[in-house]
């Protein structure tokens, strides 16, 4: 299957751009071949092991402790929303966790497999804004030497630009997605 679209989703503990991230998920697919896309989605849905190892799916649960220490936020409203969700939603968030920095680095590596794919979020003011802020936090935490901005974002800068070209037709120049691109290309 040729991949020409990537969609990214986050599960969080707040709706602000500083939200604590519970998980980052992404799916790569061919928008012109809906049968192959549907089959790939069904394969991943049926086999949880594929969520971590499929070439078409990316999923990482993130550790909360370091994020809280670094100032990522949790809102009462979002906590209440999560309490109302079913057992299936809660189970999706249980399991092995990695640091936010590791999840962001792995996301970058996974996206790099698809240099021609366009990246989409549910909306320009939620997932994109939260990921932009997370990349900034990650970069600031690692300013002492572990990793650089270019190591985090270098290979995916053009994909973010492709997403901006598509989404900017319906958003303002000050949208969070445009800010992600500006920040990641520095």
N, C-alpha and C. Protein backbone atom coordinates (compact mmCIF):
# COMPACT_ATOMS: atom_id res chain seq x y z
N UNK A 1 0.85 -1.18 0.00
CA UNK A 1 0.00 0.00 0.00
C UNK A 1 0.89 1.24 0.00
N UNK A 2 0.59 2.17 -0.87
CA UNK A 2 1.28 3.46 -0.92
C UNK A 2 0.69 4.34 0.17
N UNK A 3 1.54 4.96 0.95
CA UNK A 3 1.07 5.84 2.02
C UNK A 3 1.16 7.28 1.54
N UNK A 4 0.02 7.98 1.59
CA UNK A 4 0.02 9.39 1.20
C UNK A 4 -0.61 10.29 2.25
N UNK A 5 -1.13 9.69 3.33
CA UNK A 5 -1.74 10.46 4.42
C UNK A 5 -1.38 9.84 5.75
N UNK A 6 -1.08 10.69 6.71
CA UNK A 6 -0.89 10.27 8.10
C UNK A 6 -1.83 11.10 8.95
N UNK A 7 -2.57 10.45 9.82
CA UNK A 7 -3.41 11.18 10.76
C UNK A 7 -2.87 10.92 12.16
N UNK A 8 -2.79 11.97 12.96
CA UNK A 8 -2.23 11.88 14.31
C UNK A 8 -3.29 12.30 15.32
N UNK A 9 -3.33 11.54 16.42
CA UNK A 9 -4.29 11.81 17.49
C UNK A 9 -3.58 11.70 18.84
N UNK A 10 -3.94 12.56 19.76
CA UNK A 10 -3.40 12.46 21.12
C UNK A 10 -4.55 12.25 22.09
N UNK A 11 -4.26 11.56 23.17
CA UNK A 11 -5.17 11.48 24.31
C UNK A 11 -4.49 12.25 25.42
N UNK A 12 -5.23 13.14 26.05
CA UNK A 12 -4.61 14.07 26.99
C UNK A 12 -5.43 14.20 28.27
N UNK A 13 -4.87 14.96 29.21
CA UNK A 13 -5.54 15.24 30.48
C UNK A 13 -5.96 16.70 30.60
N UNK A 14 -5.96 17.41 29.48
CA UNK A 14 -6.38 18.81 29.46
C UNK A 14 -6.67 19.16 28.01
N UNK A 15 -7.34 20.26 27.78
CA UNK A 15 -7.57 20.72 26.41
C UNK A 15 -6.65 21.88 26.05
N UNK A 16 -5.86 22.34 27.00
CA UNK A 16 -4.91 23.43 26.74
C UNK A 16 -3.69 22.88 25.98
N UNK A 17 -2.95 23.77 25.34
CA UNK A 17 -1.77 23.35 24.57
C UNK A 17 -0.68 22.76 25.47
N UNK A 18 -0.79 22.97 26.76
CA UNK A 18 0.18 22.45 27.72
C UNK A 18 -0.26 21.11 28.32
N UNK A 19 -1.26 20.49 27.75
CA UNK A 19 -1.86 19.27 28.31
C UNK A 19 -0.86 18.14 28.50
N UNK A 20 -1.02 17.43 29.59
CA UNK A 20 -0.30 16.19 29.82
C UNK A 20 -0.80 15.19 28.77
N UNK A 21 0.12 14.55 28.08
CA UNK A 21 -0.23 13.62 27.00
C UNK A 21 -0.22 12.20 27.55
N UNK A 22 -1.36 11.53 27.43
CA UNK A 22 -1.47 10.14 27.85
C UNK A 22 -0.97 9.19 26.77
N UNK A 23 -1.28 9.52 25.51
CA UNK A 23 -0.84 8.68 24.41
C UNK A 23 -0.79 9.48 23.12
N UNK A 24 0.04 8.98 22.21
CA UNK A 24 0.13 9.53 20.86
C UNK A 24 -0.12 8.38 19.90
N UNK A 25 -1.09 8.56 19.03
CA UNK A 25 -1.38 7.54 18.03
C UNK A 25 -1.36 8.15 16.65
N UNK A 26 -0.98 7.34 15.68
CA UNK A 26 -0.97 7.81 14.30
C UNK A 26 -1.25 6.61 13.40
N UNK A 27 -1.81 6.91 12.25
CA UNK A 27 -2.08 5.87 11.27
C UNK A 27 -1.72 6.39 9.89
N UNK A 28 -0.99 5.57 9.13
CA UNK A 28 -0.58 5.92 7.78
C UNK A 28 -1.43 5.13 6.79
N UNK A 29 -1.91 5.80 5.75
CA UNK A 29 -2.77 5.09 4.81
C UNK A 29 -2.77 5.74 3.44
N UNK A 30 -3.41 5.04 2.50
CA UNK A 30 -3.55 5.52 1.14
C UNK A 30 -4.98 5.98 0.95
N UNK A 31 -5.18 7.25 0.85
CA UNK A 31 -6.52 7.81 0.74
C UNK A 31 -7.20 7.41 -0.58
N UNK A 32 -6.43 6.98 -1.56
CA UNK A 32 -7.01 6.58 -2.84
C UNK A 32 -7.36 5.10 -2.89
N UNK A 33 -6.94 4.30 -1.92
CA UNK A 33 -7.23 2.86 -1.89
C UNK A 33 -7.93 2.52 -0.59
N UNK A 34 -9.22 2.78 -0.55
CA UNK A 34 -9.98 2.60 0.69
C UNK A 34 -10.06 1.14 1.13
N UNK A 35 -10.03 0.19 0.20
CA UNK A 35 -10.06 -1.22 0.58
C UNK A 35 -8.80 -1.61 1.35
N UNK A 36 -7.63 -1.24 0.84
CA UNK A 36 -6.38 -1.54 1.52
C UNK A 36 -6.30 -0.80 2.86
N UNK A 37 -6.78 0.43 2.88
CA UNK A 37 -6.79 1.21 4.12
C UNK A 37 -7.69 0.55 5.15
N UNK A 38 -8.88 0.16 4.75
CA UNK A 38 -9.81 -0.49 5.66
C UNK A 38 -9.22 -1.79 6.19
N UNK A 39 -8.57 -2.56 5.33
CA UNK A 39 -7.96 -3.82 5.77
C UNK A 39 -6.84 -3.56 6.77
N UNK A 40 -6.01 -2.56 6.52
CA UNK A 40 -4.93 -2.23 7.44
C UNK A 40 -5.47 -1.79 8.80
N UNK A 41 -6.54 -1.00 8.79
CA UNK A 41 -7.16 -0.58 10.04
C UNK A 41 -7.72 -1.79 10.80
N UNK A 42 -8.39 -2.67 10.09
CA UNK A 42 -8.97 -3.86 10.72
C UNK A 42 -7.88 -4.77 11.29
N UNK A 43 -6.78 -4.93 10.56
CA UNK A 43 -5.68 -5.77 11.05
C UNK A 43 -5.14 -5.24 12.37
N UNK A 44 -4.95 -3.93 12.44
CA UNK A 44 -4.43 -3.32 13.67
C UNK A 44 -5.46 -3.40 14.79
N UNK A 45 -6.73 -3.17 14.46
CA UNK A 45 -7.78 -3.21 15.47
C UNK A 45 -7.93 -4.61 16.08
N UNK A 46 -7.73 -5.64 15.27
CA UNK A 46 -7.90 -7.02 15.74
C UNK A 46 -6.69 -7.54 16.51
N UNK A 47 -5.53 -6.96 16.27
CA UNK A 47 -4.30 -7.47 16.87
C UNK A 47 -3.57 -6.32 17.58
N UNK A 48 -3.72 -6.24 18.89
CA UNK A 48 -3.12 -5.15 19.66
C UNK A 48 -1.61 -5.11 19.50
N UNK A 49 -1.00 -6.25 19.25
CA UNK A 49 0.45 -6.30 19.04
C UNK A 49 0.87 -5.44 17.85
N UNK A 50 0.02 -5.36 16.84
CA UNK A 50 0.33 -4.55 15.66
C UNK A 50 0.35 -3.06 15.96
N UNK A 51 -0.32 -2.64 17.03
CA UNK A 51 -0.31 -1.21 17.37
C UNK A 51 1.11 -0.72 17.60
N UNK A 52 1.94 -1.59 18.16
CA UNK A 52 3.32 -1.20 18.43
C UNK A 52 4.28 -1.56 17.31
N UNK A 53 3.87 -2.44 16.40
CA UNK A 53 4.82 -2.95 15.43
C UNK A 53 4.37 -2.90 13.98
N UNK A 54 3.21 -2.38 13.70
CA UNK A 54 2.73 -2.29 12.32
C UNK A 54 3.41 -1.13 11.61
N UNK A 55 3.69 -1.32 10.33
CA UNK A 55 4.27 -0.22 9.58
C UNK A 55 3.26 0.89 9.36
N UNK A 56 1.96 0.59 9.53
CA UNK A 56 0.93 1.58 9.28
C UNK A 56 0.40 2.24 10.55
N UNK A 57 0.73 1.71 11.72
CA UNK A 57 0.20 2.26 12.96
C UNK A 57 1.33 2.62 13.92
N UNK A 58 1.15 3.73 14.61
CA UNK A 58 2.08 4.16 15.66
C UNK A 58 1.25 4.40 16.90
N UNK A 59 1.69 3.86 18.03
CA UNK A 59 0.97 4.11 19.28
C UNK A 59 1.95 4.03 20.44
N UNK A 60 2.01 5.08 21.23
CA UNK A 60 2.84 5.08 22.44
C UNK A 60 2.04 5.69 23.57
N UNK A 61 2.02 5.00 24.69
CA UNK A 61 1.48 5.55 25.93
C UNK A 61 2.64 6.24 26.64
N UNK A 62 2.37 7.41 27.20
CA UNK A 62 3.47 8.17 27.80
C UNK A 62 3.35 8.21 29.32
N UNK A 63 4.50 8.31 29.95
CA UNK A 63 4.58 8.39 31.40
C UNK A 63 4.15 9.78 31.87
N UNK A 64 3.37 9.84 32.92
CA UNK A 64 2.83 11.11 33.41
C UNK A 64 3.76 11.85 34.36
N UNK A 65 4.54 11.13 35.13
CA UNK A 65 5.30 11.75 36.20
C UNK A 65 6.23 12.86 35.69
N UNK A 66 7.07 12.55 34.71
CA UNK A 66 7.99 13.56 34.20
C UNK A 66 7.26 14.75 33.58
N UNK A 67 6.11 14.46 32.97
CA UNK A 67 5.34 15.55 32.37
C UNK A 67 4.79 16.48 33.45
N UNK A 68 4.31 15.92 34.54
CA UNK A 68 3.81 16.76 35.64
C UNK A 68 4.93 17.60 36.23
N UNK A 69 6.08 16.99 36.41
CA UNK A 69 7.24 17.72 36.96
C UNK A 69 7.63 18.87 36.04
N UNK A 70 7.52 18.66 34.72
CA UNK A 70 7.92 19.71 33.79
C UNK A 70 6.83 20.75 33.55
N UNK A 71 5.65 20.59 34.19
CA UNK A 71 4.63 21.62 34.11
C UNK A 71 3.50 21.36 33.13
N UNK A 72 3.43 20.18 32.52
CA UNK A 72 2.30 19.88 31.65
C UNK A 72 1.05 19.81 32.52
N UNK A 73 -0.10 20.15 31.97
CA UNK A 73 -1.28 20.43 32.79
C UNK A 73 -2.36 19.35 32.74
N UNK A 74 -3.15 19.33 33.82
CA UNK A 74 -4.29 18.43 33.98
C UNK A 74 -5.46 19.31 34.40
N UNK A 75 -6.61 19.13 33.75
CA UNK A 75 -7.78 19.92 34.14
C UNK A 75 -8.83 19.04 34.80
N UNK A 76 -9.56 19.62 35.70
CA UNK A 76 -10.64 18.91 36.39
C UNK A 76 -11.70 18.48 35.38
N UNK A 77 -12.02 19.35 34.45
CA UNK A 77 -13.04 19.03 33.43
C UNK A 77 -12.65 17.79 32.63
N UNK A 78 -11.39 17.71 32.23
CA UNK A 78 -10.94 16.55 31.45
C UNK A 78 -10.90 15.30 32.31
N UNK A 79 -10.50 15.44 33.58
CA UNK A 79 -10.55 14.29 34.49
C UNK A 79 -11.98 13.77 34.61
N UNK A 80 -12.93 14.65 34.72
CA UNK A 80 -14.34 14.24 34.81
C UNK A 80 -14.78 13.56 33.52
N UNK A 81 -14.35 14.08 32.38
CA UNK A 81 -14.69 13.48 31.10
C UNK A 81 -14.16 12.05 31.03
N UNK A 82 -12.89 11.85 31.44
CA UNK A 82 -12.31 10.51 31.41
C UNK A 82 -13.07 9.56 32.33
N UNK A 83 -13.53 10.02 33.46
CA UNK A 83 -14.28 9.16 34.38
C UNK A 83 -15.56 8.64 33.76
N UNK A 84 -16.14 9.41 32.83
CA UNK A 84 -17.39 9.02 32.18
C UNK A 84 -17.18 8.06 31.01
N UNK A 85 -15.92 7.87 30.60
CA UNK A 85 -15.65 7.00 29.46
C UNK A 85 -15.75 5.54 29.87
N UNK A 86 -16.04 4.70 28.91
CA UNK A 86 -16.21 3.28 29.17
C UNK A 86 -14.90 2.57 29.46
N UNK A 87 -15.05 1.32 29.85
CA UNK A 87 -13.90 0.49 30.20
C UNK A 87 -12.94 0.35 29.02
N UNK A 88 -13.47 0.27 27.82
CA UNK A 88 -12.63 0.11 26.63
C UNK A 88 -11.66 1.29 26.47
N UNK A 89 -12.15 2.49 26.72
CA UNK A 89 -11.29 3.69 26.62
C UNK A 89 -10.20 3.64 27.69
N UNK A 90 -10.54 3.20 28.87
CA UNK A 90 -9.55 3.12 29.95
C UNK A 90 -8.52 2.03 29.65
N UNK A 91 -8.96 0.90 29.10
CA UNK A 91 -8.03 -0.18 28.77
C UNK A 91 -7.04 0.24 27.70
N UNK A 92 -7.46 1.09 26.78
CA UNK A 92 -6.56 1.56 25.72
C UNK A 92 -5.40 2.36 26.28
N UNK A 93 -5.56 2.87 27.49
CA UNK A 93 -4.52 3.69 28.10
C UNK A 93 -3.71 2.94 29.15
N UNK A 94 -3.97 1.64 29.30
CA UNK A 94 -3.19 0.85 30.26
C UNK A 94 -2.12 0.08 29.51
N UNK A 95 -1.01 -0.11 30.15
CA UNK A 95 0.08 -0.85 29.53
C UNK A 95 1.40 -0.12 29.70
N UNK A 96 2.38 -0.61 28.98
CA UNK A 96 3.73 -0.06 29.07
C UNK A 96 3.76 1.40 28.64
N UNK A 97 4.53 2.19 29.38
CA UNK A 97 4.64 3.62 29.10
C UNK A 97 6.10 3.98 28.83
N UNK A 98 6.26 5.01 28.01
CA UNK A 98 7.59 5.54 27.73
C UNK A 98 7.59 7.02 28.07
N UNK A 99 8.76 7.59 28.16
CA UNK A 99 8.83 9.04 28.42
C UNK A 99 8.26 9.79 27.23
N UNK A 100 7.81 11.00 27.48
CA UNK A 100 7.29 11.83 26.39
C UNK A 100 8.37 12.07 25.35
N UNK A 101 9.59 12.31 25.79
CA UNK A 101 10.70 12.52 24.85
C UNK A 101 10.90 11.33 23.93
N UNK A 102 10.85 10.12 24.49
CA UNK A 102 11.02 8.93 23.67
C UNK A 102 9.86 8.79 22.68
N UNK A 103 8.64 9.05 23.13
CA UNK A 103 7.49 8.96 22.24
C UNK A 103 7.61 9.95 21.08
N UNK A 104 8.04 11.17 21.37
CA UNK A 104 8.20 12.18 20.32
C UNK A 104 9.30 11.78 19.34
N UNK A 105 10.39 11.26 19.85
CA UNK A 105 11.48 10.81 18.97
C UNK A 105 11.04 9.65 18.09
N UNK A 106 10.32 8.70 18.67
CA UNK A 106 9.83 7.54 17.91
C UNK A 106 8.80 7.98 16.87
N UNK A 107 7.97 8.96 17.22
CA UNK A 107 7.01 9.49 16.24
C UNK A 107 7.74 10.08 15.05
N UNK A 108 8.78 10.84 15.32
CA UNK A 108 9.59 11.43 14.24
C UNK A 108 10.15 10.35 13.35
N UNK A 109 10.71 9.30 13.94
CA UNK A 109 11.29 8.21 13.16
C UNK A 109 10.22 7.49 12.33
N UNK A 110 9.07 7.28 12.92
CA UNK A 110 7.99 6.58 12.23
C UNK A 110 7.50 7.40 11.04
N UNK A 111 7.31 8.69 11.23
CA UNK A 111 6.84 9.57 10.15
C UNK A 111 7.86 9.62 9.01
N UNK A 112 9.14 9.55 9.35
CA UNK A 112 10.20 9.65 8.33
C UNK A 112 10.11 8.53 7.29
N UNK A 113 9.41 7.43 7.61
CA UNK A 113 9.22 6.34 6.64
C UNK A 113 8.40 6.79 5.44
N UNK A 114 7.63 7.84 5.62
CA UNK A 114 6.66 8.27 4.62
C UNK A 114 6.94 9.71 4.19
N UNK A 115 8.00 9.93 3.44
CA UNK A 115 8.40 11.30 3.12
C UNK A 115 7.39 12.07 2.26
N UNK A 116 6.50 11.37 1.57
CA UNK A 116 5.54 12.06 0.71
C UNK A 116 4.16 12.19 1.32
N UNK A 117 4.00 11.72 2.55
CA UNK A 117 2.67 11.74 3.18
C UNK A 117 2.34 13.13 3.73
N UNK A 118 1.07 13.47 3.65
CA UNK A 118 0.56 14.68 4.28
C UNK A 118 0.07 14.31 5.66
N UNK A 119 0.27 15.20 6.61
CA UNK A 119 -0.11 14.92 8.00
C UNK A 119 -1.33 15.75 8.36
N UNK A 120 -2.29 15.07 8.99
CA UNK A 120 -3.52 15.72 9.41
C UNK A 120 -3.78 15.46 10.89
N UNK A 121 -4.44 16.43 11.51
CA UNK A 121 -4.93 16.30 12.87
C UNK A 121 -6.44 16.45 12.82
N UNK A 122 -7.09 16.14 13.91
CA UNK A 122 -8.54 16.31 13.97
C UNK A 122 -8.92 17.78 13.75
N UNK A 123 -8.15 18.65 14.31
CA UNK A 123 -8.36 20.09 14.14
C UNK A 123 -7.05 20.79 14.41
N UNK A 124 -6.86 21.98 13.88
CA UNK A 124 -5.59 22.68 14.03
C UNK A 124 -5.34 23.26 15.43
N UNK A 125 -6.36 23.26 16.28
CA UNK A 125 -6.17 23.91 17.59
C UNK A 125 -6.12 22.93 18.75
N UNK A 126 -6.02 21.63 18.49
CA UNK A 126 -5.94 20.68 19.61
C UNK A 126 -4.67 19.83 19.50
N UNK A 127 -4.70 18.75 18.76
CA UNK A 127 -3.55 17.85 18.69
C UNK A 127 -2.29 18.56 18.22
N UNK A 128 -2.42 19.37 17.17
CA UNK A 128 -1.25 20.08 16.65
C UNK A 128 -0.65 21.04 17.65
N UNK A 129 -1.51 21.76 18.34
CA UNK A 129 -1.06 22.72 19.34
C UNK A 129 -0.38 22.02 20.52
N UNK A 130 -0.96 20.91 20.94
CA UNK A 130 -0.40 20.15 22.07
C UNK A 130 0.95 19.55 21.68
N UNK A 131 1.04 18.99 20.48
CA UNK A 131 2.33 18.42 20.05
C UNK A 131 3.39 19.49 19.86
N UNK A 132 3.00 20.65 19.34
CA UNK A 132 3.95 21.76 19.22
C UNK A 132 4.55 22.09 20.59
N UNK A 133 3.68 22.23 21.57
CA UNK A 133 4.14 22.57 22.91
C UNK A 133 5.00 21.45 23.50
N UNK A 134 4.62 20.21 23.25
CA UNK A 134 5.39 19.07 23.76
C UNK A 134 6.79 19.05 23.14
N UNK A 135 6.89 19.30 21.83
CA UNK A 135 8.21 19.35 21.20
C UNK A 135 9.04 20.48 21.80
N UNK A 136 8.40 21.61 22.07
CA UNK A 136 9.14 22.72 22.71
C UNK A 136 9.62 22.33 24.09
N UNK A 137 8.75 21.73 24.90
CA UNK A 137 9.15 21.28 26.23
C UNK A 137 10.27 20.28 26.15
N UNK A 138 10.16 19.33 25.26
CA UNK A 138 11.16 18.30 25.10
C UNK A 138 12.50 18.91 24.72
N UNK A 139 12.47 19.87 23.82
CA UNK A 139 13.69 20.53 23.39
C UNK A 139 14.30 21.31 24.55
N UNK A 140 13.48 22.02 25.30
CA UNK A 140 13.99 22.80 26.43
C UNK A 140 14.59 21.89 27.50
N UNK A 141 13.95 20.77 27.78
CA UNK A 141 14.46 19.84 28.78
C UNK A 141 15.79 19.25 28.36
N UNK A 142 16.00 19.12 27.06
CA UNK A 142 17.21 18.50 26.55
C UNK A 142 18.24 19.51 26.07
N UNK A 143 18.03 20.78 26.37
CA UNK A 143 18.95 21.82 25.94
C UNK A 143 20.33 21.63 26.57
N UNK A 144 20.38 20.84 27.63
CA UNK A 144 21.65 20.59 28.29
C UNK A 144 22.50 19.58 27.55
N UNK A 145 22.00 19.01 26.43
CA UNK A 145 22.89 18.19 25.64
C UNK A 145 22.38 16.88 25.06
N UNK A 146 21.27 16.34 25.50
CA UNK A 146 20.90 15.01 25.04
C UNK A 146 20.46 14.96 23.58
N UNK A 147 19.68 15.91 23.13
CA UNK A 147 19.14 15.86 21.77
C UNK A 147 18.84 17.28 21.30
N UNK A 148 18.89 17.50 20.01
CA UNK A 148 18.66 18.84 19.49
C UNK A 148 17.33 18.93 18.76
N UNK A 149 16.91 20.15 18.48
CA UNK A 149 15.67 20.35 17.74
C UNK A 149 15.75 19.66 16.38
N UNK A 150 16.88 19.80 15.70
CA UNK A 150 16.98 19.19 14.38
C UNK A 150 16.90 17.67 14.46
N UNK A 151 17.40 17.07 15.53
CA UNK A 151 17.28 15.62 15.68
C UNK A 151 15.82 15.22 15.90
N UNK A 152 15.07 16.08 16.56
CA UNK A 152 13.66 15.78 16.79
C UNK A 152 12.87 15.99 15.51
N UNK A 153 13.11 17.10 14.84
CA UNK A 153 12.19 17.49 13.77
C UNK A 153 12.77 17.49 12.37
N UNK A 154 14.06 17.39 12.22
CA UNK A 154 14.67 17.52 10.90
C UNK A 154 13.96 16.77 9.78
N UNK A 155 13.89 15.44 9.85
CA UNK A 155 13.29 14.70 8.74
C UNK A 155 11.81 14.93 8.53
N UNK A 156 11.09 15.45 9.53
CA UNK A 156 9.66 15.59 9.32
C UNK A 156 9.23 17.03 9.03
N UNK A 157 10.17 17.94 8.94
CA UNK A 157 9.79 19.33 8.69
C UNK A 157 8.96 19.48 7.44
N UNK A 158 9.33 18.78 6.37
CA UNK A 158 8.60 18.93 5.12
C UNK A 158 7.20 18.34 5.23
N UNK A 159 7.03 17.28 6.01
CA UNK A 159 5.69 16.74 6.19
C UNK A 159 4.80 17.73 6.91
N UNK A 160 5.35 18.39 7.93
CA UNK A 160 4.56 19.40 8.63
C UNK A 160 4.19 20.51 7.65
N UNK A 161 5.12 20.87 6.75
CA UNK A 161 4.81 21.90 5.76
C UNK A 161 3.69 21.45 4.85
N UNK A 162 3.70 20.18 4.45
CA UNK A 162 2.63 19.66 3.60
C UNK A 162 1.29 19.77 4.31
N UNK A 163 1.28 19.46 5.60
CA UNK A 163 0.04 19.57 6.37
C UNK A 163 -0.42 21.02 6.42
N UNK A 164 0.51 21.94 6.56
CA UNK A 164 0.15 23.35 6.61
C UNK A 164 -0.46 23.78 5.28
N UNK A 165 0.12 23.33 4.17
CA UNK A 165 -0.43 23.70 2.86
C UNK A 165 -1.88 23.26 2.74
N UNK A 166 -2.19 22.07 3.24
CA UNK A 166 -3.55 21.55 3.14
C UNK A 166 -4.47 22.27 4.12
N UNK A 167 -4.05 22.38 5.36
CA UNK A 167 -4.93 22.90 6.40
C UNK A 167 -4.99 24.42 6.41
N UNK A 168 -3.94 25.10 5.96
CA UNK A 168 -3.91 26.56 6.05
C UNK A 168 -4.99 27.22 5.21
N UNK A 169 -5.58 26.46 4.29
CA UNK A 169 -6.66 27.04 3.49
C UNK A 169 -7.87 27.38 4.36
N UNK A 170 -7.97 26.72 5.52
CA UNK A 170 -9.14 26.95 6.38
C UNK A 170 -8.77 27.51 7.75
N UNK A 171 -7.50 27.86 7.94
CA UNK A 171 -7.10 28.39 9.24
C UNK A 171 -6.39 29.72 9.06
N UNK A 172 -6.25 30.42 10.13
CA UNK A 172 -5.60 31.72 10.08
C UNK A 172 -4.08 31.56 10.10
N UNK A 173 -3.33 32.59 9.71
CA UNK A 173 -1.87 32.51 9.75
C UNK A 173 -1.33 32.31 11.16
N UNK A 174 -2.12 32.56 12.18
CA UNK A 174 -1.65 32.40 13.56
C UNK A 174 -2.05 31.05 14.14
N UNK A 175 -2.52 30.11 13.32
CA UNK A 175 -2.98 28.83 13.85
C UNK A 175 -1.84 28.05 14.47
N UNK A 176 -2.14 27.20 15.44
CA UNK A 176 -1.11 26.40 16.10
C UNK A 176 -0.33 25.52 15.13
N UNK A 177 -0.97 24.98 14.09
CA UNK A 177 -0.26 24.12 13.15
C UNK A 177 0.82 24.90 12.41
N UNK A 178 0.52 26.14 12.05
CA UNK A 178 1.54 26.95 11.40
C UNK A 178 2.68 27.23 12.37
N UNK A 179 2.37 27.42 13.63
CA UNK A 179 3.42 27.63 14.63
C UNK A 179 4.29 26.40 14.78
N UNK A 180 3.69 25.20 14.71
CA UNK A 180 4.48 23.97 14.78
C UNK A 180 5.52 23.98 13.66
N UNK A 181 5.07 24.30 12.46
CA UNK A 181 5.99 24.28 11.33
C UNK A 181 7.11 25.29 11.52
N UNK A 182 6.76 26.49 11.91
CA UNK A 182 7.79 27.50 12.13
C UNK A 182 8.79 27.04 13.18
N UNK A 183 8.29 26.47 14.27
CA UNK A 183 9.16 26.05 15.36
C UNK A 183 10.04 24.87 14.94
N UNK A 184 9.44 23.89 14.28
CA UNK A 184 10.18 22.69 13.94
C UNK A 184 11.21 22.91 12.85
N UNK A 185 11.06 23.98 12.06
CA UNK A 185 12.02 24.23 10.99
C UNK A 185 13.19 25.09 11.47
N UNK A 186 13.14 25.56 12.69
CA UNK A 186 14.23 26.40 13.20
C UNK A 186 15.49 25.59 13.38
